[in-house]
mmCIF file of all heavy atoms, coordinates in Angstrom:
data_MODEL
# 
_entry.id   MODEL 
# 
loop_
_atom_site.group_PDB 
_atom_site.id 
_atom_site.type_symbol 
_atom_site.label_atom_id 
_atom_site.label_alt_id 
_atom_site.label_comp_id 
_atom_site.label_asym_id 
_atom_site.label_entity_id 
_atom_site.label_seq_id 
_atom_site.pdbx_PDB_ins_code 
_atom_site.Cartn_x 
_atom_site.Cartn_y 
_atom_site.Cartn_z 
_atom_site.occupancy 
_atom_site.B_iso_or_equiv 
_atom_site.pdbx_formal_charge 
_atom_site.auth_seq_id 
_atom_site.auth_comp_id 
_atom_site.auth_asym_id 
_atom_site.auth_atom_id 
_atom_site.pdbx_PDB_model_num 
ATOM 1   N N   . GLY A 1 1  ? 100.077 -36.542 172.223 1.00 0.00 ? 1  GLY A N   1 
ATOM 2   C CA  . GLY A 1 1  ? 100.520 -36.673 170.845 1.00 0.00 ? 1  GLY A CA  1 
ATOM 3   C C   . GLY A 1 1  ? 100.477 -35.352 170.096 1.00 0.00 ? 1  GLY A C   1 
ATOM 4   O O   . GLY A 1 1  ? 101.407 -34.993 169.372 1.00 0.00 ? 1  GLY A O   1 
ATOM 5   N N   . ILE A 1 2  ? 99.405  -34.600 170.283 1.00 0.00 ? 2  ILE A N   1 
ATOM 6   C CA  . ILE A 1 2  ? 99.295  -33.300 169.623 1.00 0.00 ? 2  ILE A CA  1 
ATOM 7   C C   . ILE A 1 2  ? 100.302 -32.315 170.196 1.00 0.00 ? 2  ILE A C   1 
ATOM 8   O O   . ILE A 1 2  ? 100.949 -31.567 169.458 1.00 0.00 ? 2  ILE A O   1 
ATOM 9   C CB  . ILE A 1 2  ? 97.854  -32.764 169.740 1.00 0.00 ? 2  ILE A CB  1 
ATOM 10  C CG1 . ILE A 1 2  ? 96.928  -33.609 168.881 1.00 0.00 ? 2  ILE A CG1 1 
ATOM 11  C CG2 . ILE A 1 2  ? 97.777  -31.299 169.345 1.00 0.00 ? 2  ILE A CG2 1 
ATOM 12  C CD1 . ILE A 1 2  ? 95.466  -33.301 169.064 1.00 0.00 ? 2  ILE A CD1 1 
ATOM 13  N N   . THR A 1 3  ? 100.462 -32.315 171.509 1.00 0.00 ? 3  THR A N   1 
ATOM 14  C CA  . THR A 1 3  ? 101.397 -31.382 172.143 1.00 0.00 ? 3  THR A CA  1 
ATOM 15  C C   . THR A 1 3  ? 102.834 -31.669 171.730 1.00 0.00 ? 3  THR A C   1 
ATOM 16  O O   . THR A 1 3  ? 103.569 -30.752 171.335 1.00 0.00 ? 3  THR A O   1 
ATOM 17  C CB  . THR A 1 3  ? 101.269 -31.462 173.673 1.00 0.00 ? 3  THR A CB  1 
ATOM 18  O OG1 . THR A 1 3  ? 99.912  -31.186 174.033 1.00 0.00 ? 3  THR A OG1 1 
ATOM 19  C CG2 . THR A 1 3  ? 102.183 -30.484 174.353 1.00 0.00 ? 3  THR A CG2 1 
ATOM 20  N N   . VAL A 1 4  ? 103.232 -32.906 171.795 1.00 0.00 ? 4  VAL A N   1 
ATOM 21  C CA  . VAL A 1 4  ? 104.605 -33.269 171.442 1.00 0.00 ? 4  VAL A CA  1 
ATOM 22  C C   . VAL A 1 4  ? 104.842 -33.052 169.946 1.00 0.00 ? 4  VAL A C   1 
ATOM 23  O O   . VAL A 1 4  ? 105.858 -32.475 169.548 1.00 0.00 ? 4  VAL A O   1 
ATOM 24  C CB  . VAL A 1 4  ? 104.899 -34.730 171.846 1.00 0.00 ? 4  VAL A CB  1 
ATOM 25  C CG1 . VAL A 1 4  ? 106.220 -35.212 171.277 1.00 0.00 ? 4  VAL A CG1 1 
ATOM 26  C CG2 . VAL A 1 4  ? 104.909 -34.860 173.362 1.00 0.00 ? 4  VAL A CG2 1 
ATOM 27  N N   . GLY A 1 5  ? 103.906 -33.473 169.115 1.00 0.00 ? 5  GLY A N   1 
ATOM 28  C CA  . GLY A 1 5  ? 104.059 -33.298 167.672 1.00 0.00 ? 5  GLY A CA  1 
ATOM 29  C C   . GLY A 1 5  ? 104.113 -31.836 167.266 1.00 0.00 ? 5  GLY A C   1 
ATOM 30  O O   . GLY A 1 5  ? 104.932 -31.432 166.433 1.00 0.00 ? 5  GLY A O   1 
ATOM 31  N N   . GLY A 1 6  ? 103.249 -31.017 167.846 1.00 0.00 ? 6  GLY A N   1 
ATOM 32  C CA  . GLY A 1 6  ? 103.257 -29.589 167.539 1.00 0.00 ? 6  GLY A CA  1 
ATOM 33  C C   . GLY A 1 6  ? 104.522 -28.894 167.975 1.00 0.00 ? 6  GLY A C   1 
ATOM 34  O O   . GLY A 1 6  ? 105.057 -28.028 167.268 1.00 0.00 ? 6  GLY A O   1 
ATOM 35  N N   . THR A 1 7  ? 105.024 -29.268 169.142 1.00 0.00 ? 7  THR A N   1 
ATOM 36  C CA  . THR A 1 7  ? 106.267 -28.681 169.633 1.00 0.00 ? 7  THR A CA  1 
ATOM 37  C C   . THR A 1 7  ? 107.443 -29.076 168.761 1.00 0.00 ? 7  THR A C   1 
ATOM 38  O O   . THR A 1 7  ? 108.295 -28.239 168.428 1.00 0.00 ? 7  THR A O   1 
ATOM 39  C CB  . THR A 1 7  ? 106.518 -29.125 171.087 1.00 0.00 ? 7  THR A CB  1 
ATOM 40  O OG1 . THR A 1 7  ? 105.397 -28.726 171.878 1.00 0.00 ? 7  THR A OG1 1 
ATOM 41  C CG2 . THR A 1 7  ? 107.779 -28.519 171.640 1.00 0.00 ? 7  THR A CG2 1 
ATOM 42  N N   . ILE A 1 8  ? 107.489 -30.337 168.370 1.00 0.00 ? 8  ILE A N   1 
ATOM 43  C CA  . ILE A 1 8  ? 108.591 -30.805 167.533 1.00 0.00 ? 8  ILE A CA  1 
ATOM 44  C C   . ILE A 1 8  ? 108.587 -30.103 166.186 1.00 0.00 ? 8  ILE A C   1 
ATOM 45  O O   . ILE A 1 8  ? 109.627 -29.607 165.729 1.00 0.00 ? 8  ILE A O   1 
ATOM 46  C CB  . ILE A 1 8  ? 108.532 -32.334 167.355 1.00 0.00 ? 8  ILE A CB  1 
ATOM 47  C CG1 . ILE A 1 8  ? 108.863 -33.021 168.661 1.00 0.00 ? 8  ILE A CG1 1 
ATOM 48  C CG2 . ILE A 1 8  ? 109.475 -32.797 166.253 1.00 0.00 ? 8  ILE A CG2 1 
ATOM 49  C CD1 . ILE A 1 8  ? 108.611 -34.505 168.653 1.00 0.00 ? 8  ILE A CD1 1 
ATOM 50  N N   . ILE A 1 9  ? 107.435 -30.028 165.532 1.00 0.00 ? 9  ILE A N   1 
ATOM 51  C CA  . ILE A 1 9  ? 107.414 -29.420 164.201 1.00 0.00 ? 9  ILE A CA  1 
ATOM 52  C C   . ILE A 1 9  ? 107.725 -27.929 164.279 1.00 0.00 ? 9  ILE A C   1 
ATOM 53  O O   . ILE A 1 9  ? 108.410 -27.380 163.422 1.00 0.00 ? 9  ILE A O   1 
ATOM 54  C CB  . ILE A 1 9  ? 106.094 -29.692 163.450 1.00 0.00 ? 9  ILE A CB  1 
ATOM 55  C CG1 . ILE A 1 9  ? 106.305 -29.448 161.956 1.00 0.00 ? 9  ILE A CG1 1 
ATOM 56  C CG2 . ILE A 1 9  ? 104.957 -28.852 163.974 1.00 0.00 ? 9  ILE A CG2 1 
ATOM 57  C CD1 . ILE A 1 9  ? 105.287 -30.073 161.069 1.00 0.00 ? 9  ILE A CD1 1 
ATOM 58  N N   . GLN A 1 10 ? 107.261 -27.262 165.321 1.00 0.00 ? 10 GLN A N   1 
ATOM 59  C CA  . GLN A 1 10 ? 107.557 -25.834 165.480 1.00 0.00 ? 10 GLN A CA  1 
ATOM 60  C C   . GLN A 1 10 ? 109.064 -25.613 165.641 1.00 0.00 ? 10 GLN A C   1 
ATOM 61  O O   . GLN A 1 10 ? 109.658 -24.769 164.975 1.00 0.00 ? 10 GLN A O   1 
ATOM 62  C CB  . GLN A 1 10 ? 106.791 -25.291 166.700 1.00 0.00 ? 10 GLN A CB  1 
ATOM 63  C CG  . GLN A 1 10 ? 106.974 -23.835 166.949 1.00 0.00 ? 10 GLN A CG  1 
ATOM 64  C CD  . GLN A 1 10 ? 106.106 -22.961 166.068 1.00 0.00 ? 10 GLN A CD  1 
ATOM 65  O OE1 . GLN A 1 10 ? 105.332 -23.423 165.257 1.00 0.00 ? 10 GLN A OE1 1 
ATOM 66  N NE2 . GLN A 1 10 ? 106.255 -21.679 166.224 1.00 0.00 ? 10 GLN A NE2 1 
ATOM 67  N N   . ASN A 1 11 ? 109.682 -26.379 166.519 1.00 0.00 ? 11 ASN A N   1 
ATOM 68  C CA  . ASN A 1 11 ? 111.120 -26.214 166.770 1.00 0.00 ? 11 ASN A CA  1 
ATOM 69  C C   . ASN A 1 11 ? 111.966 -26.632 165.573 1.00 0.00 ? 11 ASN A C   1 
ATOM 70  O O   . ASN A 1 11 ? 112.957 -25.980 165.242 1.00 0.00 ? 11 ASN A O   1 
ATOM 71  C CB  . ASN A 1 11 ? 111.536 -27.004 168.008 1.00 0.00 ? 11 ASN A CB  1 
ATOM 72  C CG  . ASN A 1 11 ? 110.964 -26.410 169.273 1.00 0.00 ? 11 ASN A CG  1 
ATOM 73  O OD1 . ASN A 1 11 ? 110.639 -25.232 169.331 1.00 0.00 ? 11 ASN A OD1 1 
ATOM 74  N ND2 . ASN A 1 11 ? 110.815 -27.239 170.286 1.00 0.00 ? 11 ASN A ND2 1 
ATOM 75  N N   . GLU A 1 12 ? 111.579 -27.722 164.918 1.00 0.00 ? 12 GLU A N   1 
ATOM 76  C CA  . GLU A 1 12 ? 112.353 -28.187 163.773 1.00 0.00 ? 12 GLU A CA  1 
ATOM 77  C C   . GLU A 1 12 ? 112.239 -27.226 162.595 1.00 0.00 ? 12 GLU A C   1 
ATOM 78  O O   . GLU A 1 12 ? 113.215 -26.995 161.882 1.00 0.00 ? 12 GLU A O   1 
ATOM 79  C CB  . GLU A 1 12 ? 111.912 -29.592 163.360 1.00 0.00 ? 12 GLU A CB  1 
ATOM 80  C CG  . GLU A 1 12 ? 112.296 -30.670 164.348 1.00 0.00 ? 12 GLU A CG  1 
ATOM 81  C CD  . GLU A 1 12 ? 113.795 -30.844 164.473 1.00 0.00 ? 12 GLU A CD  1 
ATOM 82  O OE1 . GLU A 1 12 ? 114.500 -30.810 163.443 1.00 0.00 ? 12 GLU A OE1 1 
ATOM 83  O OE2 . GLU A 1 12 ? 114.270 -31.011 165.605 1.00 0.00 ? 12 GLU A OE2 1 
ATOM 84  N N   . LEU A 1 13 ? 111.051 -26.663 162.375 1.00 0.00 ? 13 LEU A N   1 
ATOM 85  C CA  . LEU A 1 13 ? 110.906 -25.696 161.289 1.00 0.00 ? 13 LEU A CA  1 
ATOM 86  C C   . LEU A 1 13 ? 111.717 -24.428 161.566 1.00 0.00 ? 13 LEU A C   1 
ATOM 87  O O   . LEU A 1 13 ? 112.277 -23.845 160.645 1.00 0.00 ? 13 LEU A O   1 
ATOM 88  C CB  . LEU A 1 13 ? 109.434 -25.352 161.059 1.00 0.00 ? 13 LEU A CB  1 
ATOM 89  C CG  . LEU A 1 13 ? 108.599 -26.416 160.359 1.00 0.00 ? 13 LEU A CG  1 
ATOM 90  C CD1 . LEU A 1 13 ? 107.143 -25.992 160.302 1.00 0.00 ? 13 LEU A CD1 1 
ATOM 91  C CD2 . LEU A 1 13 ? 109.135 -26.720 158.982 1.00 0.00 ? 13 LEU A CD2 1 
ATOM 92  N N   . LYS A 1 14 ? 111.785 -24.024 162.816 1.00 0.00 ? 14 LYS A N   1 
ATOM 93  C CA  . LYS A 1 14 ? 112.613 -22.857 163.155 1.00 0.00 ? 14 LYS A CA  1 
ATOM 94  C C   . LYS A 1 14 ? 114.082 -23.114 162.841 1.00 0.00 ? 14 LYS A C   1 
ATOM 95  O O   . LYS A 1 14 ? 114.805 -22.206 162.448 1.00 0.00 ? 14 LYS A O   1 
ATOM 96  C CB  . LYS A 1 14 ? 112.464 -22.496 164.632 1.00 0.00 ? 14 LYS A CB  1 
ATOM 97  C CG  . LYS A 1 14 ? 111.188 -21.778 164.958 1.00 0.00 ? 14 LYS A CG  1 
ATOM 98  C CD  . LYS A 1 14 ? 111.139 -21.406 166.426 1.00 0.00 ? 14 LYS A CD  1 
ATOM 99  C CE  . LYS A 1 14 ? 109.853 -20.707 166.766 1.00 0.00 ? 14 LYS A CE  1 
ATOM 100 N NZ  . LYS A 1 14 ? 109.770 -20.375 168.201 1.00 0.00 ? 14 LYS A NZ  1 
ATOM 101 N N   . LYS A 1 15 ? 114.529 -24.354 163.010 1.00 0.00 ? 15 LYS A N   1 
ATOM 102 C CA  . LYS A 1 15 ? 115.923 -24.691 162.727 1.00 0.00 ? 15 LYS A CA  1 
ATOM 103 C C   . LYS A 1 15 ? 116.184 -24.881 161.237 1.00 0.00 ? 15 LYS A C   1 
ATOM 104 O O   . LYS A 1 15 ? 117.250 -24.523 160.744 1.00 0.00 ? 15 LYS A O   1 
ATOM 105 C CB  . LYS A 1 15 ? 116.322 -25.982 163.447 1.00 0.00 ? 15 LYS A CB  1 
ATOM 106 C CG  . LYS A 1 15 ? 116.502 -25.834 164.929 1.00 0.00 ? 15 LYS A CG  1 
ATOM 107 C CD  . LYS A 1 15 ? 117.161 -27.038 165.558 1.00 0.00 ? 15 LYS A CD  1 
ATOM 108 C CE  . LYS A 1 15 ? 116.450 -28.317 165.283 1.00 0.00 ? 15 LYS A CE  1 
ATOM 109 N NZ  . LYS A 1 15 ? 116.952 -29.466 166.075 1.00 0.00 ? 15 LYS A NZ  1 
ATOM 110 N N   . ARG A 1 16 ? 115.216 -25.437 160.513 1.00 0.00 ? 16 ARG A N   1 
ATOM 111 C CA  . ARG A 1 16 ? 115.466 -25.887 159.147 1.00 0.00 ? 16 ARG A CA  1 
ATOM 112 C C   . ARG A 1 16 ? 115.057 -24.901 158.051 1.00 0.00 ? 16 ARG A C   1 
ATOM 113 O O   . ARG A 1 16 ? 115.572 -24.985 156.948 1.00 0.00 ? 16 ARG A O   1 
ATOM 114 C CB  . ARG A 1 16 ? 114.747 -27.214 158.913 1.00 0.00 ? 16 ARG A CB  1 
ATOM 115 C CG  . ARG A 1 16 ? 115.252 -28.320 159.804 1.00 0.00 ? 16 ARG A CG  1 
ATOM 116 C CD  . ARG A 1 16 ? 114.427 -29.573 159.623 1.00 0.00 ? 16 ARG A CD  1 
ATOM 117 N NE  . ARG A 1 16 ? 114.748 -30.587 160.594 1.00 0.00 ? 16 ARG A NE  1 
ATOM 118 C CZ  . ARG A 1 16 ? 115.731 -31.462 160.478 1.00 0.00 ? 16 ARG A CZ  1 
ATOM 119 N NH1 . ARG A 1 16 ? 116.499 -31.441 159.419 1.00 0.00 ? 16 ARG A NH1 1 
ATOM 120 N NH2 . ARG A 1 16 ? 115.955 -32.355 161.418 1.00 0.00 ? 16 ARG A NH2 1 
ATOM 121 N N   . LEU A 1 17 ? 114.117 -24.028 158.310 1.00 0.00 ? 17 LEU A N   1 
ATOM 122 C CA  . LEU A 1 17 ? 113.674 -23.091 157.273 1.00 0.00 ? 17 LEU A CA  1 
ATOM 123 C C   . LEU A 1 17 ? 114.720 -22.006 157.047 1.00 0.00 ? 17 LEU A C   1 
ATOM 124 O O   . LEU A 1 17 ? 115.435 -21.635 157.983 1.00 0.00 ? 17 LEU A O   1 
ATOM 125 C CB  . LEU A 1 17 ? 112.350 -22.444 157.667 1.00 0.00 ? 17 LEU A CB  1 
ATOM 126 C CG  . LEU A 1 17 ? 111.117 -23.330 157.564 1.00 0.00 ? 17 LEU A CG  1 
ATOM 127 C CD1 . LEU A 1 17 ? 109.909 -22.621 158.156 1.00 0.00 ? 17 LEU A CD1 1 
ATOM 128 C CD2 . LEU A 1 17 ? 110.849 -23.715 156.121 1.00 0.00 ? 17 LEU A CD2 1 
ATOM 129 N N   . PRO A 1 18 ? 114.810 -21.499 155.833 1.00 0.00 ? 18 PRO A N   1 
ATOM 130 C CA  . PRO A 1 18 ? 115.737 -20.386 155.580 1.00 0.00 ? 18 PRO A CA  1 
ATOM 131 C C   . PRO A 1 18 ? 115.350 -19.175 156.444 1.00 0.00 ? 18 PRO A C   1 
ATOM 132 O O   . PRO A 1 18 ? 114.175 -18.854 156.601 1.00 0.00 ? 18 PRO A O   1 
ATOM 133 C CB  . PRO A 1 18 ? 115.522 -20.085 154.091 1.00 0.00 ? 18 PRO A CB  1 
ATOM 134 C CG  . PRO A 1 18 ? 114.892 -21.306 153.521 1.00 0.00 ? 18 PRO A CG  1 
ATOM 135 C CD  . PRO A 1 18 ? 114.139 -21.951 154.619 1.00 0.00 ? 18 PRO A CD  1 
ATOM 136 N N   . HIS A 1 19 ? 116.360 -18.513 156.993 1.00 0.00 ? 19 HIS A N   1 
ATOM 137 C CA  . HIS A 1 19 ? 116.114 -17.414 157.934 1.00 0.00 ? 19 HIS A CA  1 
ATOM 138 C C   . HIS A 1 19 ? 115.413 -16.228 157.267 1.00 0.00 ? 19 HIS A C   1 
ATOM 139 O O   . HIS A 1 19 ? 114.598 -15.556 157.902 1.00 0.00 ? 19 HIS A O   1 
ATOM 140 C CB  . HIS A 1 19 ? 117.421 -16.976 158.582 1.00 0.00 ? 19 HIS A CB  1 
ATOM 141 C CG  . HIS A 1 19 ? 118.002 -18.032 159.464 1.00 0.00 ? 19 HIS A CG  1 
ATOM 142 N ND1 . HIS A 1 19 ? 117.415 -18.398 160.651 1.00 0.00 ? 19 HIS A ND1 1 
ATOM 143 C CD2 . HIS A 1 19 ? 119.098 -18.819 159.317 1.00 0.00 ? 19 HIS A CD2 1 
ATOM 144 C CE1 . HIS A 1 19 ? 118.122 -19.358 161.212 1.00 0.00 ? 19 HIS A CE1 1 
ATOM 145 N NE2 . HIS A 1 19 ? 119.163 -19.640 160.423 1.00 0.00 ? 19 HIS A NE2 1 
ATOM 146 N N   . ASP A 1 20 ? 115.716 -15.955 155.998 1.00 0.00 ? 20 ASP A N   1 
ATOM 147 C CA  . ASP A 1 20 ? 115.042 -14.860 155.301 1.00 0.00 ? 20 ASP A CA  1 
ATOM 148 C C   . ASP A 1 20 ? 113.540 -15.133 155.159 1.00 0.00 ? 20 ASP A C   1 
ATOM 149 O O   . ASP A 1 20 ? 112.717 -14.235 155.318 1.00 0.00 ? 20 ASP A O   1 
ATOM 150 C CB  . ASP A 1 20 ? 115.655 -14.646 153.915 1.00 0.00 ? 20 ASP A CB  1 
ATOM 151 C CG  . ASP A 1 20 ? 117.112 -14.232 153.994 1.00 0.00 ? 20 ASP A CG  1 
ATOM 152 O OD1 . ASP A 1 20 ? 117.509 -13.679 155.038 1.00 0.00 ? 20 ASP A OD1 1 
ATOM 153 O OD2 . ASP A 1 20 ? 117.843 -14.466 153.014 1.00 0.00 ? 20 ASP A OD2 1 
ATOM 154 N N   . PHE A 1 21 ? 113.203 -16.374 154.866 1.00 0.00 ? 21 PHE A N   1 
ATOM 155 C CA  . PHE A 1 21 ? 111.797 -16.751 154.732 1.00 0.00 ? 21 PHE A CA  1 
ATOM 156 C C   . PHE A 1 21 ? 111.100 -16.755 156.088 1.00 0.00 ? 21 PHE A C   1 
ATOM 157 O O   . PHE A 1 21 ? 109.963 -16.319 156.230 1.00 0.00 ? 21 PHE A O   1 
ATOM 158 C CB  . PHE A 1 21 ? 111.694 -18.124 154.081 1.00 0.00 ? 21 PHE A CB  1 
ATOM 159 C CG  . PHE A 1 21 ? 110.295 -18.626 153.939 1.00 0.00 ? 21 PHE A CG  1 
ATOM 160 C CD1 . PHE A 1 21 ? 109.416 -18.030 153.046 1.00 0.00 ? 21 PHE A CD1 1 
ATOM 161 C CD2 . PHE A 1 21 ? 109.844 -19.686 154.690 1.00 0.00 ? 21 PHE A CD2 1 
ATOM 162 C CE1 . PHE A 1 21 ? 108.108 -18.491 152.912 1.00 0.00 ? 21 PHE A CE1 1 
ATOM 163 C CE2 . PHE A 1 21 ? 108.552 -20.150 154.567 1.00 0.00 ? 21 PHE A CE2 1 
ATOM 164 C CZ  . PHE A 1 21 ? 107.686 -19.551 153.673 1.00 0.00 ? 21 PHE A CZ  1 
ATOM 165 N N   . LEU A 1 22 ? 111.783 -17.222 157.106 1.00 0.00 ? 22 LEU A N   1 
ATOM 166 C CA  . LEU A 1 22 ? 111.225 -17.305 158.456 1.00 0.00 ? 22 LEU A CA  1 
ATOM 167 C C   . LEU A 1 22 ? 110.977 -15.928 159.056 1.00 0.00 ? 22 LEU A C   1 
ATOM 168 O O   . LEU A 1 22 ? 110.070 -15.751 159.872 1.00 0.00 ? 22 LEU A O   1 
ATOM 169 C CB  . LEU A 1 22 ? 112.168 -18.121 159.344 1.00 0.00 ? 22 LEU A CB  1 
ATOM 170 C CG  . LEU A 1 22 ? 111.633 -18.645 160.653 1.00 0.00 ? 22 LEU A CG  1 
ATOM 171 C CD1 . LEU A 1 22 ? 110.411 -19.509 160.431 1.00 0.00 ? 22 LEU A CD1 1 
ATOM 172 C CD2 . LEU A 1 22 ? 112.716 -19.441 161.351 1.00 0.00 ? 22 LEU A CD2 1 
ATOM 173 N N   . ALA A 1 23 ? 111.737 -14.934 158.624 1.00 0.00 ? 23 ALA A N   1 
ATOM 174 C CA  . ALA A 1 23 ? 111.593 -13.581 159.166 1.00 0.00 ? 23 ALA A CA  1 
ATOM 175 C C   . ALA A 1 23 ? 110.273 -12.928 158.758 1.00 0.00 ? 23 ALA A C   1 
ATOM 176 O O   . ALA A 1 23 ? 109.862 -11.945 159.368 1.00 0.00 ? 23 ALA A O   1 
ATOM 177 C CB  . ALA A 1 23 ? 112.755 -12.720 158.699 1.00 0.00 ? 23 ALA A CB  1 
ATOM 178 N N   . GLN A 1 24 ? 109.580 -13.479 157.763 1.00 0.00 ? 24 GLN A N   1 
ATOM 179 C CA  . GLN A 1 24 ? 108.293 -12.936 157.325 1.00 0.00 ? 24 GLN A CA  1 
ATOM 180 C C   . GLN A 1 24 ? 107.190 -13.135 158.360 1.00 0.00 ? 24 GLN A C   1 
ATOM 181 O O   . GLN A 1 24 ? 106.197 -12.424 158.356 1.00 0.00 ? 24 GLN A O   1 
ATOM 182 C CB  . GLN A 1 24 ? 107.841 -13.610 156.029 1.00 0.00 ? 24 GLN A CB  1 
ATOM 183 C CG  . GLN A 1 24 ? 108.748 -13.418 154.866 1.00 0.00 ? 24 GLN A CG  1 
ATOM 184 C CD  . GLN A 1 24 ? 108.253 -14.214 153.672 1.00 0.00 ? 24 GLN A CD  1 
ATOM 185 O OE1 . GLN A 1 24 ? 107.091 -14.612 153.604 1.00 0.00 ? 24 GLN A OE1 1 
ATOM 186 N NE2 . GLN A 1 24 ? 109.139 -14.460 152.728 1.00 0.00 ? 24 GLN A NE2 1 
ATOM 187 N N   . PHE A 1 25 ? 107.374 -14.117 159.221 1.00 0.00 ? 25 PHE A N   1 
ATOM 188 C CA  . PHE A 1 25 ? 106.331 -14.489 160.172 1.00 0.00 ? 25 PHE A CA  1 
ATOM 189 C C   . PHE A 1 25 ? 106.684 -13.964 161.556 1.00 0.00 ? 25 PHE A C   1 
ATOM 190 O O   . PHE A 1 25 ? 107.810 -14.106 162.012 1.00 0.00 ? 25 PHE A O   1 
ATOM 191 C CB  . PHE A 1 25 ? 106.167 -16.010 160.194 1.00 0.00 ? 25 PHE A CB  1 
ATOM 192 C CG  . PHE A 1 25 ? 105.857 -16.568 158.846 1.00 0.00 ? 25 PHE A CG  1 
ATOM 193 C CD1 . PHE A 1 25 ? 106.866 -17.082 158.041 1.00 0.00 ? 25 PHE A CD1 1 
ATOM 194 C CD2 . PHE A 1 25 ? 104.569 -16.535 158.354 1.00 0.00 ? 25 PHE A CD2 1 
ATOM 195 C CE1 . PHE A 1 25 ? 106.583 -17.573 156.789 1.00 0.00 ? 25 PHE A CE1 1 
ATOM 196 C CE2 . PHE A 1 25 ? 104.280 -17.032 157.097 1.00 0.00 ? 25 PHE A CE2 1 
ATOM 197 C CZ  . PHE A 1 25 ? 105.282 -17.549 156.310 1.00 0.00 ? 25 PHE A CZ  1 
ATOM 198 N N   . PRO A 1 26 ? 105.721 -13.356 162.252 1.00 0.00 ? 26 PRO A N   1 
ATOM 199 C CA  . PRO A 1 26 ? 106.018 -12.793 163.571 1.00 0.00 ? 26 PRO A CA  1 
ATOM 200 C C   . PRO A 1 26 ? 106.292 -13.883 164.606 1.00 0.00 ? 26 PRO A C   1 
ATOM 201 O O   . PRO A 1 26 ? 105.866 -15.029 164.447 1.00 0.00 ? 26 PRO A O   1 
ATOM 202 C CB  . PRO A 1 26 ? 104.749 -12.009 163.917 1.00 0.00 ? 26 PRO A CB  1 
ATOM 203 C CG  . PRO A 1 26 ? 103.677 -12.620 163.091 1.00 0.00 ? 26 PRO A CG  1 
ATOM 204 C CD  . PRO A 1 26 ? 104.339 -13.149 161.856 1.00 0.00 ? 26 PRO A CD  1 
ATOM 205 N N   . ASP A 1 27 ? 106.997 -13.518 165.660 1.00 0.00 ? 27 ASP A N   1 
ATOM 206 C CA  . ASP A 1 27 ? 107.264 -14.460 166.745 1.00 0.00 ? 27 ASP A CA  1 
ATOM 207 C C   . ASP A 1 27 ? 105.960 -14.829 167.439 1.00 0.00 ? 27 ASP A C   1 
ATOM 208 O O   . ASP A 1 27 ? 105.049 -14.025 167.556 1.00 0.00 ? 27 ASP A O   1 
ATOM 209 C CB  . ASP A 1 27 ? 108.221 -13.832 167.768 1.00 0.00 ? 27 ASP A CB  1 
ATOM 210 C CG  . ASP A 1 27 ? 109.631 -13.727 167.231 1.00 0.00 ? 27 ASP A CG  1 
ATOM 211 O OD1 . ASP A 1 27 ? 109.976 -14.495 166.315 1.00 0.00 ? 27 ASP A OD1 1 
ATOM 212 O OD2 . ASP A 1 27 ? 110.387 -12.872 167.733 1.00 0.00 ? 27 ASP A OD2 1 
ATOM 213 N N   . GLY A 1 28 ? 105.894 -16.060 167.885 1.00 0.00 ? 28 GLY A N   1 
ATOM 214 C CA  . GLY A 1 28 ? 104.720 -16.516 168.595 1.00 0.00 ? 28 GLY A CA  1 
ATOM 215 C C   . GLY A 1 28 ? 103.640 -17.125 167.714 1.00 0.00 ? 28 GLY A C   1 
ATOM 216 O O   . GLY A 1 28 ? 102.677 -17.676 168.215 1.00 0.00 ? 28 GLY A O   1 
# 
């Protein structure tokens, strides 16, 4: 549950957050 939930939220946030805002955070 934690693994699947964490993976989903990570991938969905990468798709849905504005790219300018997302660029503030390093990869990984």
